Every structure is written in C-alpha cells, then in structure tokens.
C-alpha cells in the first residue's frame, strides 16, 4: 500500500512542474504575440495607470520603463478620448481621434474593461479615414448635383400633369413619373442631410427645451396620424433639457415617432416618453406594431437597409432615416437602443449622458 501511495506522489510531483512549465510557455507565446502586433496594446490598472504595453504602444506614446503606473491621460490628452473612456459603452465601435503627434494621422481607440483592469487597443485608421472621406465627398457631391435636374423635372412634370385635356393613358404615366421623381428627391435630401451630419464633426450646441421640442413633435405626429387612427401618448416626468443641436435632434426624434406610426397597424398604441434615469435622461418611443425579427435589428441603422422592400417603398421611406438617427445620437453622446418582439411591437430609445443634460433652472 505504501509503495502505491509513494508512486502516486512521485507522479504528481512530476506532472505539476510540467503543467506549470506548459502554462508558462503559453503565457510567453501570448506575450510575444502581443508585442509583435502592429496595433498598440495597453493594459491599465484600476487607477487608470499603465500596467503593461507592447512595442507598438511604446513607439506611439513614446513610453519608457519609468512610465509604468502613470495615468493614461498623461499620454492621450484628447477630449473625445476622455469622454469615451468614462462611458465606453456609448460607442460600441470605439472612438476616432486625431493623432496628437502627427495631425495627418487618425487613430481608433477601443477599451475593454475586465475585472478591475482595462485593455486599451489603438489602431492606425488613417487610410480608412481617407477612404471614408472620399465616400462622403462623393455622395455629397453627387447628391448636390442631382438636386437641380430633379427640381427641373419635378416642375415640368407637375405642369404637364395639371393639363385638363391630357389623355387618360398619358395622365397615369405622368402621375407615376411625378411619384418616382418625388421619391428620388426625398432620397437626395436625406443623403445631403446625412452627409452634412457626418462631415460636421462638431456643431453649434445650445440649450434645448425638451418639453417644447417633444410637444412640437407630438403635435406633428397627431397631424400625421389622422389616417392611421393610433392612440399616441406623451409621457414626461422631468423638466430637464439637453445641450445640443435642436435642428438635428428634432429630425432624429421625429423620425422615430413617424416610423412607429407607419409600422403599427391602424388603431395601435404609441407612447413617447422623456424620463430621468440614473444614467441621464431617456427618450423612448414604444409601439405595439409589427415588431422586428432578431436577425434584422443589428442592421437597421445601415444605409438603405430594408426589412421588407415593398412595404418600405409603400410607406414612402428612403432607407436612410435610422442612419440619420444613429449619427445624430452619436454626436450627442448616446446611441440608439432597439428592443423588439416580432408581432408584438418595438421600443426605440436613447439615454443621453449627464454631460449633455441641462436642468431647466440653470439653462
């Protein structure tokens, strides 16, 4: 018996060092791989101090061994980065900033919290940024150039359609051309608006009286709702306003309300709310409409993405509305949250962080 126990102890004594050595070897490989990455990788402790970094981070931030423990803001002093760092969930795709050492370079920072530490990865996205600029400029220029010929076509089509002696078979053709030209005009206008929002990295911000703004949106929604017959409710439990662009916010929030009206069967219930939360102030539009299947939700804010192309055209949509909403909300420190059950309705909401919320008393 003693021989068996002695043999087991010996095997255990041998296997433990082997397992430990294998783990150590794996950690060395992972560390070597991280050091070899072209992207900057930085491990931050619970005090936002530098714990570990790879060679790319060392080159980017000009780090030295003595910098261990120093705060990350000593090396990255950009307002956009500070805001993102405080609430990283507001920008699921990270934050884009200009390089503080080379203004012609653009960087993307992604923060991943785990336990009490954080992993910061910084990518050089200069080439992608220039490509995106080219795309935006192309769309903006083409849309702008299309406005004049479309305006001329719409004018002539309206004049011909109003002729009393036009043969019936011609009249139907002109009506269809007028409808499609008007649809093209809506698409061009939405493209121009989206391009303007994307290009304007910053815009003039003012205090927005949300009670007044939401009342205006509610009144417009009631007028639009006449042919649908929905019950629309406006619920407000805070007088707090926002610091932002009233024109863009009105466009974005109105879009969400109009969508709820269009995609809810006649006689439905729609609730527009503005409430105070622990994270800031929440705007929400809730309906009991047709709902959205799970596979579509993640792509709803893509340009021209449609769940049902035929239905979207029938309701007059351009496929750009939610893309506009996404960009407007991002410029106000928040993102669009979508919860939906197919056949039971949807809730579109956004929580504006405290740094964008303003009390009416101090406006």
Protein backbone atom coordinates (compact mmCIF):
# COMPACT_ATOMS: atom_id res chain seq x y z
CA UNK A 1 0.00 0.00 0.00
CA UNK A 2 2.79 2.37 0.91
CA UNK A 3 4.50 1.60 -2.40
CA UNK A 4 1.35 2.56 -4.34
CA UNK A 5 0.96 5.84 -2.44
CA UNK A 6 4.65 6.61 -2.96
CA UNK A 7 4.28 6.00 -6.71
CA UNK A 8 1.22 8.29 -6.91
CA UNK A 9 3.01 11.08 -5.06
CA UNK A 10 6.01 10.75 -7.36
CA UNK A 11 3.80 11.01 -10.49
CA UNK A 12 2.04 14.05 -9.04
CA UNK A 13 5.36 15.68 -8.19
CA UNK A 14 6.48 15.21 -11.79
CA UNK A 15 3.20 16.29 -13.50
CA UNK A 16 2.76 19.56 -11.59
CA UNK A 17 6.06 21.13 -12.73
CA UNK A 18 5.33 20.00 -16.31
CA UNK A 19 1.88 21.61 -16.23
CA UNK A 20 3.36 24.77 -14.74
CA UNK A 21 6.05 24.86 -17.41
CA UNK A 22 3.46 24.41 -20.17
CA UNK A 23 1.38 27.31 -18.77
CA UNK A 24 4.48 29.49 -18.54
CA UNK A 25 5.41 28.67 -22.14
CA UNK A 26 1.90 29.53 -23.33
CA UNK A 27 1.98 32.86 -21.49
CA UNK A 28 5.34 33.67 -23.06
CA UNK A 29 3.93 32.93 -26.52
CA UNK A 30 0.88 35.13 -25.90
CA UNK A 31 3.08 37.94 -24.60
CA UNK A 32 5.41 37.63 -27.60
CA UNK A 33 2.43 37.70 -29.97
CA UNK A 34 1.04 40.84 -28.32
CA UNK A 35 4.44 42.51 -28.50
CA UNK A 36 4.65 41.72 -32.22
CA UNK A 37 1.27 43.29 -33.03
CA UNK A 38 1.34 46.43 -35.16
CA UNK A 39 -1.54 47.84 -33.10
CA UNK A 40 -0.84 49.42 -29.74
CA UNK A 41 -1.98 47.26 -26.81
CA UNK A 42 -2.02 48.73 -23.29
CA UNK A 43 -3.11 47.10 -20.03
CA UNK A 44 -4.45 49.61 -17.48
CA UNK A 45 -4.93 49.04 -13.76
CA UNK A 46 -7.91 50.08 -11.63
CA UNK A 47 -6.42 53.56 -11.21
CA UNK A 48 -6.14 54.11 -14.99
CA UNK A 49 -2.38 53.67 -14.74
CA UNK A 50 -0.18 51.89 -17.30
CA UNK A 51 0.44 48.29 -16.22
CA UNK A 52 1.86 46.73 -19.41
CA UNK A 53 2.23 47.67 -23.08
CA UNK A 54 3.62 46.27 -26.30
CA UNK A 55 6.26 47.69 -28.65
CA UNK A 56 3.69 49.46 -30.88
CA UNK A 57 2.30 51.31 -27.86
CA UNK A 58 5.80 52.20 -26.76
CA UNK A 59 6.53 53.72 -30.18
CA UNK A 60 3.17 55.51 -30.41
CA UNK A 61 3.21 57.06 -26.94
CA UNK A 62 7.00 57.28 -26.56
CA UNK A 63 6.81 55.20 -23.39
CA UNK A 64 9.71 54.27 -21.15
CA UNK A 65 10.04 51.73 -18.35
CA UNK A 66 9.73 54.54 -15.81
CA UNK A 67 6.23 55.36 -17.13
CA UNK A 68 4.71 52.26 -15.57
CA UNK A 69 1.90 53.31 -13.25
CA UNK A 70 1.39 56.75 -14.82
CA UNK A 71 -2.15 57.77 -15.81
CA UNK A 72 -3.17 57.12 -19.42
CA UNK A 73 -4.39 60.74 -19.72
CA UNK A 74 -0.78 61.89 -19.33
CA UNK A 75 -0.18 60.43 -22.79
CA UNK A 76 -3.54 60.75 -24.57
CA UNK A 77 -4.99 64.20 -23.95
CA UNK A 78 -7.98 64.34 -26.31
CA UNK A 79 -11.48 65.40 -25.16
CA UNK A 80 -13.14 62.70 -27.29
CA UNK A 81 -10.97 60.03 -25.70
CA UNK A 82 -11.71 61.26 -22.17
CA UNK A 83 -15.44 61.20 -22.82
CA UNK A 84 -15.29 57.72 -24.36
CA UNK A 85 -13.06 56.42 -21.55
CA UNK A 86 -15.58 57.49 -18.91
CA UNK A 87 -18.52 55.74 -20.62
CA UNK A 88 -17.07 53.28 -23.19
CA UNK A 89 -20.45 51.62 -23.84
CA UNK A 90 -21.68 54.79 -25.56
CA UNK A 91 -19.52 53.99 -28.58
CA UNK A 92 -19.51 50.26 -29.22
CA UNK A 93 -17.15 50.75 -32.16
CA UNK A 94 -14.60 52.73 -30.17
CA UNK A 95 -13.69 56.38 -30.65
CA UNK A 96 -11.80 58.02 -33.53
CA UNK A 97 -9.32 60.77 -32.70
CA UNK A 98 -6.60 62.72 -34.47
CA UNK A 99 -3.06 61.78 -33.56
CA UNK A 100 -1.70 64.32 -31.07
CA UNK A 101 1.81 63.90 -32.52
CA UNK A 102 1.01 63.78 -36.24
CA UNK A 103 -2.25 65.63 -37.13
CA UNK A 104 -2.40 63.92 -40.52
CA UNK A 105 -2.83 60.52 -38.83
CA UNK A 106 -6.09 59.19 -37.39
CA UNK A 107 -6.39 56.67 -34.58
CA UNK A 108 -9.16 54.45 -33.29
CA UNK A 109 -9.24 53.58 -29.58
CA UNK A 110 -11.16 50.59 -28.21
CA UNK A 111 -11.49 49.98 -24.48
CA UNK A 112 -12.43 46.61 -22.99
CA UNK A 113 -12.99 46.52 -19.21
CA UNK A 114 -12.44 43.22 -17.38
CA UNK A 115 -12.38 42.69 -13.63
CA UNK A 116 -10.71 45.82 -12.18
CA UNK A 117 -8.50 46.40 -15.21
CA UNK A 118 -8.94 47.64 -18.78
CA UNK A 119 -7.44 46.67 -22.10
CA UNK A 120 -6.86 49.58 -24.50
CA UNK A 121 -6.14 48.88 -28.17
CA UNK A 122 -5.19 51.73 -30.52
CA UNK A 123 -5.35 51.24 -34.30
CA UNK A 124 -3.96 53.45 -37.05
CA UNK A 125 -7.00 54.05 -39.28
CA UNK A 126 -5.59 56.88 -41.40
CA UNK A 127 -6.14 55.06 -44.70
CA UNK A 128 -9.70 54.04 -43.75
CA UNK A 129 -10.42 57.61 -42.65
CA UNK A 130 -9.31 59.00 -46.03
CA UNK A 131 -11.41 56.40 -47.85
CA UNK A 132 -14.41 57.32 -45.72
CA UNK A 133 -13.83 60.99 -46.52
CA UNK A 134 -13.73 60.18 -50.23
CA UNK A 135 -17.01 58.24 -49.92
CA UNK A 136 -18.71 61.08 -48.03
CA UNK A 137 -17.49 63.68 -50.51
CA UNK A 138 -18.63 61.57 -53.45
CA UNK A 139 -22.11 61.03 -52.01
CA UNK A 140 -22.45 64.69 -51.05
CA UNK A 141 -21.27 65.94 -54.46
CA UNK A 142 -23.46 63.55 -56.46
CA UNK A 143 -26.49 64.34 -54.29
CA UNK A 144 -25.90 68.06 -54.69
CA UNK A 145 -25.55 67.77 -58.46
CA UNK A 146 -28.78 65.76 -58.69
CA UNK A 147 -30.87 68.41 -56.97
CA UNK A 148 -31.02 70.84 -59.90
CA UNK A 149 -32.11 68.37 -62.63
CA UNK A 150 -34.61 66.79 -60.25
CA UNK A 151 -36.10 70.16 -59.41
CA UNK A 152 -36.47 70.96 -63.13
CA UNK A 153 -38.04 67.57 -63.87
CA UNK A 154 -40.49 67.88 -60.98
CA UNK A 155 -41.56 71.34 -62.16
CA UNK A 156 -42.26 70.23 -65.73
CA UNK A 157 -43.99 67.03 -64.63
CA UNK A 158 -46.33 68.96 -62.35
CA UNK A 159 -47.15 71.42 -65.16
CA UNK A 160 -47.92 68.64 -67.65
CA UNK A 161 -49.93 66.66 -65.08
CA UNK A 162 -52.18 69.68 -64.45
CA UNK A 163 -53.24 69.96 -68.11
CA UNK A 164 -57.04 69.36 -68.26
CA UNK A 165 -57.04 67.99 -71.81
CA UNK A 166 -54.37 65.32 -71.22
CA UNK A 167 -55.42 61.85 -72.46
CA UNK A 168 -56.07 59.38 -69.58
CA UNK A 169 -53.33 56.94 -70.67
CA UNK A 170 -50.78 59.78 -70.61
CA UNK A 171 -52.07 61.14 -67.29
CA UNK A 172 -51.35 57.86 -65.48
CA UNK A 173 -47.81 57.83 -66.83
CA UNK A 174 -47.15 61.38 -65.66
CA UNK A 175 -48.55 60.57 -62.21
CA UNK A 176 -46.12 57.64 -61.86
CA UNK A 177 -43.19 59.76 -63.05
CA UNK A 178 -44.14 62.50 -60.58
CA UNK A 179 -44.29 60.00 -57.69
CA UNK A 180 -40.92 58.45 -58.51
CA UNK A 181 -39.24 61.83 -59.05
CA UNK A 182 -40.56 63.00 -55.68
CA UNK A 183 -39.17 59.81 -54.11
CA UNK A 184 -35.77 60.45 -55.71
CA UNK A 185 -35.89 63.98 -54.35
CA UNK A 186 -36.53 62.67 -50.81
CA UNK A 187 -33.58 60.30 -51.11
CA UNK A 188 -31.29 63.10 -52.33
CA UNK A 189 -32.40 65.37 -49.46
CA UNK A 190 -31.77 62.60 -46.90
CA UNK A 191 -28.36 61.87 -48.41
CA UNK A 192 -27.41 65.53 -48.20
CA UNK A 193 -28.57 65.70 -44.57
CA UNK A 194 -26.65 62.54 -43.67
CA UNK A 195 -23.51 63.81 -45.40
CA UNK A 196 -23.77 67.15 -43.60
CA UNK A 197 -24.12 65.42 -40.22
CA UNK A 198 -21.13 63.13 -40.93
CA UNK A 199 -18.90 65.94 -42.17
CA UNK A 200 -19.69 68.27 -39.27
CA UNK A 201 -17.51 66.72 -36.57
CA UNK A 202 -18.66 69.50 -34.26
CA UNK A 203 -21.74 71.68 -34.46
CA UNK A 204 -23.05 74.66 -32.54
CA UNK A 205 -24.68 73.50 -29.32
CA UNK A 206 -27.43 75.30 -27.40
CA UNK A 207 -29.81 74.58 -24.56
CA UNK A 208 -32.83 72.66 -25.86
CA UNK A 209 -36.15 72.86 -24.04
CA UNK A 210 -37.16 69.21 -24.40
CA UNK A 211 -40.72 69.85 -23.20
CA UNK A 212 -41.23 72.33 -26.02
CA UNK A 213 -39.44 70.15 -28.59
CA UNK A 214 -41.37 66.98 -27.68
CA UNK A 215 -44.68 68.85 -27.64
CA UNK A 216 -43.92 70.09 -31.17
CA UNK A 217 -43.05 66.54 -32.30
CA UNK A 218 -46.23 65.23 -30.64
CA UNK A 219 -48.42 67.80 -32.44
CA UNK A 220 -46.83 66.94 -35.80
CA UNK A 221 -47.30 63.23 -35.08
CA UNK A 222 -51.01 63.75 -34.34
CA UNK A 223 -51.44 65.50 -37.68
CA UNK A 224 -49.61 62.67 -39.49
CA UNK A 225 -51.62 60.11 -37.52
CA UNK A 226 -55.03 61.10 -38.89
CA UNK A 227 -55.18 58.34 -41.50
CA UNK A 228 -53.83 55.71 -39.06
CA UNK A 229 -56.04 56.31 -36.03
CA UNK A 230 -53.46 55.39 -33.38
CA UNK A 231 -53.64 56.41 -29.74
CA UNK A 232 -50.47 58.46 -29.18
CA UNK A 233 -49.43 59.27 -25.62
CA UNK A 234 -46.77 61.74 -24.46
CA UNK A 235 -45.28 60.98 -21.04
CA UNK A 236 -42.86 63.48 -19.48
CA UNK A 237 -41.57 63.15 -15.91
CA UNK A 238 -38.67 65.63 -15.96
CA UNK A 239 -38.20 69.24 -16.98
CA UNK A 240 -34.53 68.65 -17.79
CA UNK A 241 -33.41 69.71 -21.25
CA UNK A 242 -30.41 68.90 -23.39
CA UNK A 243 -27.32 70.66 -24.63
CA UNK A 244 -27.13 70.01 -28.36
CA UNK A 245 -28.33 70.80 -31.87
CA UNK A 246 -32.09 71.37 -31.85
CA UNK A 247 -32.44 71.06 -35.64
CA UNK A 248 -30.72 67.67 -35.83
CA UNK A 249 -32.38 66.30 -32.69
CA UNK A 250 -35.82 67.32 -33.92
CA UNK A 251 -35.17 65.50 -37.19
CA UNK A 252 -33.91 62.34 -35.47
CA UNK A 253 -36.56 62.05 -32.75
CA UNK A 254 -39.38 62.89 -35.20
CA UNK A 255 -38.12 60.10 -37.45
CA UNK A 256 -38.51 57.54 -34.65
CA UNK A 257 -42.07 58.69 -33.89
CA UNK A 258 -43.14 58.71 -37.55
CA UNK A 259 -41.66 55.22 -38.03
CA UNK A 260 -43.73 53.95 -35.10
CA UNK A 261 -46.86 55.39 -36.72
CA UNK A 262 -46.08 53.93 -40.15
CA UNK A 263 -45.19 50.43 -38.96
CA UNK A 264 -48.02 49.95 -36.47
CA UNK A 265 -51.32 48.55 -37.77
CA UNK A 266 -54.21 51.01 -37.66
CA UNK A 267 -55.67 51.67 -34.23
CA UNK A 268 -52.47 50.86 -32.32
CA UNK A 269 -50.93 52.38 -29.20
CA UNK A 270 -47.77 54.51 -29.29
CA UNK A 271 -46.06 56.09 -26.28
CA UNK A 272 -43.42 58.81 -26.49
CA UNK A 273 -41.60 59.35 -23.20
CA UNK A 274 -38.93 61.58 -21.66
CA UNK A 275 -37.75 60.32 -18.27
CA UNK A 276 -34.97 60.82 -15.75
CA UNK A 277 -32.72 57.80 -15.11
CA UNK A 278 -29.60 57.05 -13.08
CA UNK A 279 -27.56 57.31 -16.32
CA UNK A 280 -29.04 60.60 -17.55
CA UNK A 281 -32.29 61.27 -19.44
CA UNK A 282 -34.05 58.70 -21.61
CA UNK A 283 -36.07 59.33 -24.75
CA UNK A 284 -38.18 56.38 -25.91
CA UNK A 285 -40.82 55.52 -28.50
CA UNK A 286 -42.79 52.37 -27.75
CA UNK A 287 -45.41 50.81 -30.03
CA UNK A 288 -47.45 47.62 -30.29
CA UNK A 289 -46.83 47.30 -34.02
CA UNK A 290 -45.49 44.58 -36.30
CA UNK A 291 -42.16 44.25 -34.49
CA UNK A 292 -38.80 43.25 -35.93
CA UNK A 293 -37.20 39.83 -36.27
CA UNK A 294 -33.94 39.46 -34.28
CA UNK A 295 -31.73 38.95 -37.37
CA UNK A 296 -32.63 42.43 -38.67
CA UNK A 297 -32.13 44.55 -35.54
CA UNK A 298 -28.33 44.87 -35.76
CA UNK A 299 -28.53 46.14 -39.36
CA UNK A 300 -31.43 48.58 -39.08
CA UNK A 301 -29.20 51.67 -38.97
CA UNK A 302 -27.31 50.75 -42.15
CA UNK A 303 -27.92 52.97 -45.16
CA UNK A 304 -30.69 51.66 -47.43
CA UNK A 305 -31.19 48.50 -45.35
CA UNK A 306 -34.79 47.36 -45.61
CA UNK A 307 -36.59 44.50 -43.89
CA UNK A 308 -39.42 44.50 -46.41
CA UNK A 309 -38.51 46.46 -49.53
CA UNK A 310 -42.04 46.52 -50.87
CA UNK A 311 -43.54 47.79 -47.61
CA UNK A 312 -40.83 50.44 -47.20
CA UNK A 313 -41.50 51.86 -50.65
CA UNK A 314 -45.24 51.80 -49.99
CA UNK A 315 -44.78 53.90 -46.84
CA UNK A 316 -42.52 56.38 -48.64
CA UNK A 317 -39.33 55.52 -46.77
CA UNK A 318 -35.88 56.25 -48.22
CA UNK A 319 -33.93 53.68 -46.16
CA UNK A 320 -31.81 56.46 -44.64
CA UNK A 321 -33.90 57.58 -41.67
CA UNK A 322 -32.35 55.37 -38.99
CA UNK A 323 -28.85 56.01 -40.35
CA UNK A 324 -29.50 59.71 -39.77
CA UNK A 325 -30.84 58.96 -36.27
CA UNK A 326 -27.73 56.92 -35.44
CA UNK A 327 -25.32 59.73 -36.41
CA UNK A 328 -27.31 62.47 -34.66
CA UNK A 329 -27.46 60.48 -31.42
CA UNK A 330 -23.74 59.67 -31.62
CA UNK A 331 -22.98 63.39 -31.85
CA UNK A 332 -24.97 63.83 -28.64
CA UNK A 333 -23.05 61.19 -26.69
CA UNK A 334 -25.50 58.33 -26.98
CA UNK A 335 -26.61 55.52 -29.27
CA UNK A 336 -29.86 54.01 -30.49
CA UNK A 337 -31.14 51.06 -28.49
CA UNK A 338 -33.68 48.77 -30.14
CA UNK A 339 -35.81 46.17 -28.38
CA UNK A 340 -38.43 44.35 -30.38
CA UNK A 341 -40.51 41.19 -30.50
CA UNK A 342 -41.83 40.22 -33.90
CA UNK A 343 -45.59 40.63 -33.92
CA UNK A 344 -45.71 42.37 -30.51
CA UNK A 345 -44.11 45.78 -31.04
CA UNK A 346 -40.86 47.69 -30.65
CA UNK A 347 -39.13 50.21 -28.39
CA UNK A 348 -36.56 52.64 -29.81
CA UNK A 349 -34.73 54.56 -27.11
CA UNK A 350 -31.62 56.58 -26.27
CA UNK A 351 -30.15 57.57 -22.91
CA UNK A 352 -28.43 60.96 -23.02
CA UNK A 353 -25.50 61.09 -20.57
CA UNK A 354 -25.30 63.67 -17.76
CA UNK A 355 -22.79 65.89 -19.60
CA UNK A 356 -25.47 66.57 -22.26
CA UNK A 357 -28.35 67.01 -19.80
CA UNK A 358 -29.18 70.51 -18.57
CA UNK A 359 -31.61 71.43 -15.82
CA UNK A 360 -34.20 73.98 -16.90
CA UNK A 361 -33.33 76.04 -13.82
CA UNK A 362 -29.73 76.61 -15.00
CA UNK A 363 -30.32 76.87 -18.73
